[in-house]
Amino acid sequence: MMTTEAAGQAPLGRRERHKRAAKLRLYTSALELFTERGYEKTTVEDITERADVGRGTFFNHFRRKEDLVSLWGEQRRDHLNEHLARSRAAQRPAGVVEELEYCMRALAAMNETEWARTRTMLLAWVKAGRPVLEEPHAADIFADIVATGIEHGEIAPDVDARRVGNLLRDAYLGTLYRWAQFEEPPGPLADELIAILSVILRGILPAGRVSPA
């Protein structure tokens, strides 16, 4: 979540507080309007009017409207990282399967909490070209979990952790975009993600069947 002051840091001066507060108003106003009207139908002027700031203030913080979409993605990445960090701080006993399931459930919860906004922002994210331009953060998280599983002997040593991370990210995003067609999730998103994860981990061939080269 976007805050006006980072935890553990010295108190900000009045000017800096006002700057951060203005940026937060612009950001929250933009998300509200994107959800109400749609990303393409919302202008910078609409956002500044809702935030009650001047047009120049917008460009002090953002170069263009697309930057708000990037900030939304950054906020989601921070939220996921914090969620996983709290889990690890609690020292939950878990293997690679449990860690991957926990990550999928965290992603599902993050999207279902504000489903209408998620649907709107996913479309905006695509229109802004962010799936191609931004680093695949979720893939990195998945790959790190898989790499740890390889180190601990839970996953075959010849598995490419990066490739699996990309596969899991693609499966997550594909499922999310498919479900974003609905005004309400057509069932628990976590259940679908866990089911897909199970297929990926177990494979689709019968036990003992060797896959083609």
C-alpha atoms as a PDB file:
ATOM      1  CA  MET A   1       0.000   0.000   0.000  1.00  0.00           C
ATOM      2  CA  MET A   2       1.244   3.458  -0.883  1.00  0.00           C
ATOM      3  CA  THR A   3       2.065   5.503   2.230  1.00  0.00           C
ATOM      4  CA  THR A   4       3.142   9.077   2.853  1.00  0.00           C
ATOM      5  CA  GLU A   5       6.003   8.102   5.141  1.00  0.00           C
ATOM      6  CA  ALA A   6       8.181   4.999   5.186  1.00  0.00           C
ATOM      7  CA  ALA A   7       8.307   3.026   8.410  1.00  0.00           C
ATOM      8  CA  GLY A   8      11.512   3.257  10.398  1.00  0.00           C
ATOM      9  CA  GLN A   9      12.672   6.505   8.761  1.00  0.00           C
ATOM     10  CA  ALA A  10      13.039   9.961  10.262  1.00  0.00           C
ATOM     11  CA  PRO A  11       9.903  12.131  10.106  1.00  0.00           C
ATOM     12  CA  LEU A  12       9.519  13.979   6.814  1.00  0.00           C
ATOM     13  CA  GLY A  13       9.513  17.732   6.519  1.00  0.00           C
ATOM     14  CA  ARG A  14       6.278  19.576   5.767  1.00  0.00           C
ATOM     15  CA  ARG A  15       7.110  20.129   2.088  1.00  0.00           C
ATOM     16  CA  GLU A  16       7.952  16.488   1.504  1.00  0.00           C
ATOM     17  CA  ARG A  17       4.812  15.379   3.342  1.00  0.00           C
ATOM     18  CA  HIS A  18       2.704  17.630   1.121  1.00  0.00           C
ATOM     19  CA  LYS A  19       4.400  16.269  -2.014  1.00  0.00           C
ATOM     20  CA  ARG A  20       3.785  12.682  -0.995  1.00  0.00           C
ATOM     21  CA  ALA A  21       0.218  13.432   0.015  1.00  0.00           C
ATOM     22  CA  ALA A  22      -0.437  15.027  -3.396  1.00  0.00           C
ATOM     23  CA  LYS A  23       1.027  12.015  -5.192  1.00  0.00           C
ATOM     24  CA  LEU A  24      -1.104   9.669  -3.109  1.00  0.00           C
ATOM     25  CA  ARG A  25      -4.260  11.691  -3.899  1.00  0.00           C
ATOM     26  CA  LEU A  26      -3.448  11.587  -7.594  1.00  0.00           C
ATOM     27  CA  TYR A  27      -2.837   7.857  -7.481  1.00  0.00           C
ATOM     28  CA  THR A  28      -5.978   6.952  -5.520  1.00  0.00           C
ATOM     29  CA  SER A  29      -8.096   9.359  -7.579  1.00  0.00           C
ATOM     30  CA  ALA A  30      -6.797   7.797 -10.791  1.00  0.00           C
ATOM     31  CA  LEU A  31      -7.630   4.264  -9.629  1.00  0.00           C
ATOM     32  CA  GLU A  32     -11.122   5.340  -8.614  1.00  0.00           C
ATOM     33  CA  LEU A  33     -11.734   6.956 -11.992  1.00  0.00           C
ATOM     34  CA  PHE A  34     -10.239   4.088 -13.975  1.00  0.00           C
ATOM     35  CA  THR A  35     -12.616   1.740 -12.170  1.00  0.00           C
ATOM     36  CA  GLU A  36     -15.632   4.012 -12.626  1.00  0.00           C
ATOM     37  CA  ARG A  37     -15.094   5.175 -16.211  1.00  0.00           C
ATOM     38  CA  GLY A  38     -12.412   2.937 -17.681  1.00  0.00           C
ATOM     39  CA  TYR A  39      -8.746   3.684 -18.263  1.00  0.00           C
ATOM     40  CA  GLU A  40      -9.044   5.114 -21.770  1.00  0.00           C
ATOM     41  CA  LYS A  41     -11.993   7.386 -20.934  1.00  0.00           C
ATOM     42  CA  THR A  42     -10.180   8.966 -17.987  1.00  0.00           C
ATOM     43  CA  THR A  43      -8.044  12.023 -18.744  1.00  0.00           C
ATOM     44  CA  VAL A  44      -5.273  13.686 -16.762  1.00  0.00           C
ATOM     45  CA  GLU A  45      -7.665  16.589 -16.221  1.00  0.00           C
ATOM     46  CA  ASP A  46     -10.237  14.219 -14.725  1.00  0.00           C
ATOM     47  CA  ILE A  47      -7.619  12.907 -12.321  1.00  0.00           C
ATOM     48  CA  THR A  48      -6.372  16.306 -11.192  1.00  0.00           C
ATOM     49  CA  GLU A  49      -9.923  17.540 -10.688  1.00  0.00           C
ATOM     50  CA  ARG A  50     -10.794  14.523  -8.540  1.00  0.00           C
ATOM     51  CA  ALA A  51      -7.537  14.933  -6.575  1.00  0.00           C
ATOM     52  CA  ASP A  52      -8.122  18.720  -6.272  1.00  0.00           C
ATOM     53  CA  VAL A  53      -4.659  19.637  -7.543  1.00  0.00           C
ATOM     54  CA  GLY A  54      -3.376  21.576 -10.541  1.00  0.00           C
ATOM     55  CA  ARG A  55      -2.385  19.972 -13.829  1.00  0.00           C
ATOM     56  CA  GLY A  56       1.233  20.918 -13.196  1.00  0.00           C
ATOM     57  CA  THR A  57       1.207  18.944  -9.952  1.00  0.00           C
ATOM     58  CA  PHE A  58       0.351  15.804 -11.906  1.00  0.00           C
ATOM     59  CA  PHE A  59       3.398  16.206 -14.130  1.00  0.00           C
ATOM     60  CA  ASN A  60       5.597  16.884 -11.122  1.00  0.00           C
ATOM     61  CA  HIS A  61       4.960  13.265 -10.143  1.00  0.00           C
ATOM     62  CA  PHE A  62       4.105  11.430 -13.356  1.00  0.00           C
ATOM     63  CA  ARG A  63       5.320  11.936 -16.905  1.00  0.00           C
ATOM     64  CA  ARG A  64       2.165  10.418 -18.410  1.00  0.00           C
ATOM     65  CA  LYS A  65      -0.999   8.588 -17.489  1.00  0.00           C
ATOM     66  CA  GLU A  66       0.656   5.206 -18.147  1.00  0.00           C
ATOM     67  CA  ASP A  67       2.990   5.814 -15.199  1.00  0.00           C
ATOM     68  CA  LEU A  68       0.018   5.346 -12.871  1.00  0.00           C
ATOM     69  CA  VAL A  69      -0.366   1.830 -14.228  1.00  0.00           C
ATOM     70  CA  SER A  70       3.303   1.136 -13.522  1.00  0.00           C
ATOM     71  CA  LEU A  71       2.878   2.415  -9.981  1.00  0.00           C
ATOM     72  CA  TRP A  72      -0.104   0.082  -9.545  1.00  0.00           C
ATOM     73  CA  GLY A  73       2.121  -2.814 -10.584  1.00  0.00           C
ATOM     74  CA  GLU A  74       4.840  -1.703  -8.178  1.00  0.00           C
ATOM     75  CA  GLN A  75       2.349  -1.500  -5.320  1.00  0.00           C
ATOM     76  CA  ARG A  76       1.188  -5.049  -6.042  1.00  0.00           C
ATOM     77  CA  ARG A  77       4.758  -6.322  -6.112  1.00  0.00           C
ATOM     78  CA  ASP A  78       5.493  -4.647  -2.786  1.00  0.00           C
ATOM     79  CA  HIS A  79       2.311  -6.117  -1.300  1.00  0.00           C
ATOM     80  CA  LEU A  80       3.248  -9.626  -2.432  1.00  0.00           C
ATOM     81  CA  ASN A  81       6.802  -9.277  -1.133  1.00  0.00           C
ATOM     82  CA  GLU A  82       5.556  -8.078   2.252  1.00  0.00           C
ATOM     83  CA  HIS A  83       3.064 -10.948   2.420  1.00  0.00           C
ATOM     84  CA  LEU A  84       5.751 -13.535   1.704  1.00  0.00           C
ATOM     85  CA  ALA A  85       8.208 -11.869   4.080  1.00  0.00           C
ATOM     86  CA  ARG A  86       5.690 -12.062   6.933  1.00  0.00           C
ATOM     87  CA  SER A  87       5.164 -15.718   6.166  1.00  0.00           C
ATOM     88  CA  ARG A  88       8.877 -16.468   6.299  1.00  0.00           C
ATOM     89  CA  ALA A  89       9.317 -14.395   9.450  1.00  0.00           C
ATOM     90  CA  ALA A  90       6.711 -16.600  11.098  1.00  0.00           C
ATOM     91  CA  GLN A  91       8.993 -19.548  10.260  1.00  0.00           C
ATOM     92  CA  ARG A  92       6.244 -21.643   8.770  1.00  0.00           C
ATOM     93  CA  PRO A  93       7.561 -25.185   8.186  1.00  0.00           C
ATOM     94  CA  ALA A  94       7.112 -25.644   4.448  1.00  0.00           C
ATOM     95  CA  GLY A  95       8.555 -27.441   1.478  1.00  0.00           C
ATOM     96  CA  VAL A  96       8.646 -26.234  -2.098  1.00  0.00           C
ATOM     97  CA  VAL A  97       5.082 -27.361  -2.865  1.00  0.00           C
ATOM     98  CA  GLU A  98       3.700 -25.566   0.188  1.00  0.00           C
ATOM     99  CA  GLU A  99       5.664 -22.420  -0.658  1.00  0.00           C
ATOM    100  CA  LEU A 100       4.370 -22.386  -4.216  1.00  0.00           C
ATOM    101  CA  GLU A 101       0.800 -22.967  -3.033  1.00  0.00           C
ATOM    102  CA  TYR A 102       1.144 -20.188  -0.474  1.00  0.00           C
ATOM    103  CA  CYS A 103       2.384 -17.826  -3.174  1.00  0.00           C
ATOM    104  CA  MET A 104      -0.534 -18.707  -5.450  1.00  0.00           C
ATOM    105  CA  ARG A 105      -3.011 -18.142  -2.613  1.00  0.00           C
ATOM    106  CA  ALA A 106      -1.426 -14.768  -1.844  1.00  0.00           C
ATOM    107  CA  LEU A 107      -1.754 -13.742  -5.490  1.00  0.00           C
ATOM    108  CA  ALA A 108      -5.374 -14.890  -5.577  1.00  0.00           C
ATOM    109  CA  ALA A 109      -6.253 -12.966  -2.418  1.00  0.00           C
ATOM    110  CA  MET A 110      -4.579  -9.818  -3.733  1.00  0.00           C
ATOM    111  CA  ASN A 111      -6.720  -9.916  -6.868  1.00  0.00           C
ATOM    112  CA  GLU A 112     -10.015 -10.961  -5.289  1.00  0.00           C
ATOM    113  CA  THR A 113      -9.883  -8.282  -2.588  1.00  0.00           C
ATOM    114  CA  GLU A 114     -10.575  -5.564  -5.180  1.00  0.00           C
ATOM    115  CA  TRP A 115     -11.885  -7.532  -8.123  1.00  0.00           C
ATOM    116  CA  ALA A 116     -13.501  -4.634 -10.041  1.00  0.00           C
ATOM    117  CA  ARG A 117     -10.307  -2.604  -9.816  1.00  0.00           C
ATOM    118  CA  THR A 118      -8.196  -5.603 -10.755  1.00  0.00           C
ATOM    119  CA  ARG A 119     -10.236  -6.163 -13.924  1.00  0.00           C
ATOM    120  CA  THR A 120      -9.937  -2.507 -14.925  1.00  0.00           C
ATOM    121  CA  MET A 121      -6.227  -2.251 -14.209  1.00  0.00           C
ATOM    122  CA  LEU A 122      -5.361  -5.491 -15.978  1.00  0.00           C
ATOM    123  CA  LEU A 123      -6.836  -4.044 -19.157  1.00  0.00           C
ATOM    124  CA  ALA A 124      -4.986  -0.769 -18.580  1.00  0.00           C
ATOM    125  CA  TRP A 125      -1.774  -2.715 -17.917  1.00  0.00           C
ATOM    126  CA  VAL A 126      -2.049  -4.381 -21.327  1.00  0.00           C
ATOM    127  CA  LYS A 127      -2.962  -1.155 -23.159  1.00  0.00           C
ATOM    128  CA  ALA A 128       0.055   0.555 -21.586  1.00  0.00           C
ATOM    129  CA  GLY A 129       2.297  -2.248 -22.868  1.00  0.00           C
ATOM    130  CA  ARG A 130       3.458  -3.165 -19.388  1.00  0.00           C
ATOM    131  CA  PRO A 131       3.402  -6.999 -19.755  1.00  0.00           C
ATOM    132  CA  VAL A 132       6.160  -6.629 -22.367  1.00  0.00           C
ATOM    133  CA  LEU A 133       8.071  -3.712 -20.849  1.00  0.00           C
ATOM    134  CA  GLU A 134       8.182  -4.659 -17.164  1.00  0.00           C
ATOM    135  CA  GLU A 135      10.330  -7.281 -15.474  1.00  0.00           C
ATOM    136  CA  PRO A 136       8.461 -10.550 -14.715  1.00  0.00           C
ATOM    137  CA  HIS A 137       8.550 -10.165 -10.936  1.00  0.00           C
ATOM    138  CA  ALA A 138       6.269 -13.093 -10.144  1.00  0.00           C
ATOM    139  CA  ALA A 139       8.462 -15.334 -12.294  1.00  0.00           C
ATOM    140  CA  ASP A 140      11.466 -14.361 -10.160  1.00  0.00           C
ATOM    141  CA  ILE A 141       9.617 -15.304  -6.969  1.00  0.00           C
ATOM    142  CA  PHE A 142       8.518 -18.644  -8.373  1.00  0.00           C
ATOM    143  CA  ALA A 143      11.999 -19.360  -9.737  1.00  0.00           C
ATOM    144  CA  ASP A 144      13.613 -18.630  -6.350  1.00  0.00           C
ATOM    145  CA  ILE A 145      11.259 -21.081  -4.635  1.00  0.00           C
ATOM    146  CA  VAL A 146      11.970 -23.746  -7.248  1.00  0.00           C
ATOM    147  CA  ALA A 147      15.734 -23.159  -7.003  1.00  0.00           C
ATOM    148  CA  THR A 148      15.532 -23.679  -3.237  1.00  0.00           C
ATOM    149  CA  GLY A 149      13.590 -26.875  -3.858  1.00  0.00           C
ATOM    150  CA  ILE A 150      16.348 -28.097  -6.157  1.00  0.00           C
ATOM    151  CA  GLU A 151      18.985 -27.334  -3.505  1.00  0.00           C
ATOM    152  CA  HIS A 152      17.026 -29.321  -0.913  1.00  0.00           C
ATOM    153  CA  GLY A 153      16.469 -32.270  -3.196  1.00  0.00           C
ATOM    154  CA  GLU A 154      12.703 -31.744  -3.467  1.00  0.00           C
ATOM    155  CA  ILE A 155      12.881 -31.104  -7.208  1.00  0.00           C
ATOM    156  CA  ALA A 156      14.901 -32.974  -9.823  1.00  0.00           C
ATOM    157  CA  PRO A 157      18.377 -31.431 -10.251  1.00  0.00           C
ATOM    158  CA  ASP A 158      18.058 -31.110 -14.034  1.00  0.00           C
ATOM    159  CA  VAL A 159      15.028 -28.805 -13.786  1.00  0.00           C
ATOM    160  CA  ASP A 160      15.576 -25.239 -15.009  1.00  0.00           C
ATOM    161  CA  ALA A 161      14.260 -23.021 -12.185  1.00  0.00           C
ATOM    162  CA  ARG A 162      13.991 -19.960 -14.413  1.00  0.00           C
ATOM    163  CA  ARG A 163      11.957 -21.834 -17.000  1.00  0.00           C
ATOM    164  CA  VAL A 164       9.577 -23.169 -14.347  1.00  0.00           C
ATOM    165  CA  GLY A 165       9.270 -19.684 -12.856  1.00  0.00           C
ATOM    166  CA  ASN A 166       8.245 -18.290 -16.239  1.00  0.00           C
ATOM    167  CA  LEU A 167       5.807 -21.157 -16.758  1.00  0.00           C
ATOM    168  CA  LEU A 168       4.140 -20.576 -13.400  1.00  0.00           C
ATOM    169  CA  ARG A 169       3.895 -16.832 -14.030  1.00  0.00           C
ATOM    170  CA  ASP A 170       2.346 -17.466 -17.431  1.00  0.00           C
ATOM    171  CA  ALA A 171      -0.135 -19.900 -15.889  1.00  0.00           C
ATOM    172  CA  TYR A 172      -1.032 -17.370 -13.179  1.00  0.00           C
ATOM    173  CA  LEU A 173      -1.520 -14.467 -15.589  1.00  0.00           C
ATOM    174  CA  GLY A 174      -3.386 -16.593 -18.117  1.00  0.00           C
ATOM    175  CA  THR A 175      -5.803 -17.719 -15.418  1.00  0.00           C
ATOM    176  CA  LEU A 176      -6.188 -14.179 -14.107  1.00  0.00           C
ATOM    177  CA  TYR A 177      -6.979 -12.746 -17.538  1.00  0.00           C
ATOM    178  CA  ARG A 178      -9.443 -15.535 -18.228  1.00  0.00           C
ATOM    179  CA  TRP A 179     -11.223 -14.850 -14.944  1.00  0.00           C
ATOM    180  CA  ALA A 180     -11.123 -11.086 -15.523  1.00  0.00           C
ATOM    181  CA  GLN A 181     -13.866 -11.556 -18.119  1.00  0.00           C
ATOM    182  CA  PHE A 182     -16.335 -11.899 -15.239  1.00  0.00           C
ATOM    183  CA  GLU A 183     -17.677  -9.091 -13.087  1.00  0.00           C
ATOM    184  CA  GLU A 184     -17.223 -11.381 -10.092  1.00  0.00           C
ATOM    185  CA  PRO A 185     -14.786 -14.294  -9.821  1.00  0.00           C
ATOM    186  CA  PRO A 186     -16.633 -17.450 -11.003  1.00  0.00           C
ATOM    187  CA  GLY A 187     -15.377 -19.284  -7.928  1.00  0.00           C
ATOM    188  CA  PRO A 188     -12.311 -19.102  -5.668  1.00  0.00           C
ATOM    189  CA  LEU A 189      -9.383 -17.985  -7.810  1.00  0.00           C
ATOM    190  CA  ALA A 190      -6.990 -19.751  -5.442  1.00  0.00           C
ATOM    191  CA  ASP A 191      -8.615 -23.114  -6.135  1.00  0.00           C
ATOM    192  CA  GLU A 192      -8.029 -22.754  -9.868  1.00  0.00           C
ATOM    193  CA  LEU A 193      -4.428 -21.619  -9.394  1.00  0.00           C
ATOM    194  CA  ILE A 194      -3.675 -24.498  -7.020  1.00  0.00           C
ATOM    195  CA  ALA A 195      -5.224 -26.980  -9.464  1.00  0.00           C
ATOM    196  CA  ILE A 196      -3.069 -25.649 -12.306  1.00  0.00           C
ATOM    197  CA  LEU A 197      -0.002 -25.736 -10.067  1.00  0.00           C
ATOM    198  CA  SER A 198      -0.731 -29.396  -9.307  1.00  0.00           C
ATOM    199  CA  VAL A 199      -0.895 -30.243 -13.021  1.00  0.00           C
ATOM    200  CA  ILE A 200       2.410 -28.483 -13.649  1.00  0.00           C
ATOM    201  CA  LEU A 201       4.132 -30.228 -10.745  1.00  0.00           C
ATOM    202  CA  ARG A 202       2.769 -33.700 -11.512  1.00  0.00           C
ATOM    203  CA  GLY A 203       2.763 -33.466 -15.298  1.00  0.00           C
ATOM    204  CA  ILE A 204       0.160 -34.958 -17.599  1.00  0.00           C
ATOM    205  CA  LEU A 205       1.826 -38.224 -18.610  1.00  0.00           C
ATOM    206  CA  PRO A 206       1.141 -41.506 -16.792  1.00  0.00           C
ATOM    207  CA  ALA A 207       3.686 -42.562 -14.176  1.00  0.00           C
ATOM    208  CA  GLY A 208       6.698 -44.163 -15.844  1.00  0.00           C
ATOM    209  CA  ARG A 209       5.951 -42.688 -19.268  1.00  0.00           C
ATOM    210  CA  VAL A 210       8.974 -40.924 -20.735  1.00  0.00           C
ATOM    211  CA  SER A 211       8.252 -37.625 -22.437  1.00  0.00           C
ATOM    212  CA  PRO A 212       9.372 -37.212 -26.075  1.00  0.00           C
ATOM    213  CA  ALA A 213      12.747 -35.611 -26.652  1.00  0.00           C
END
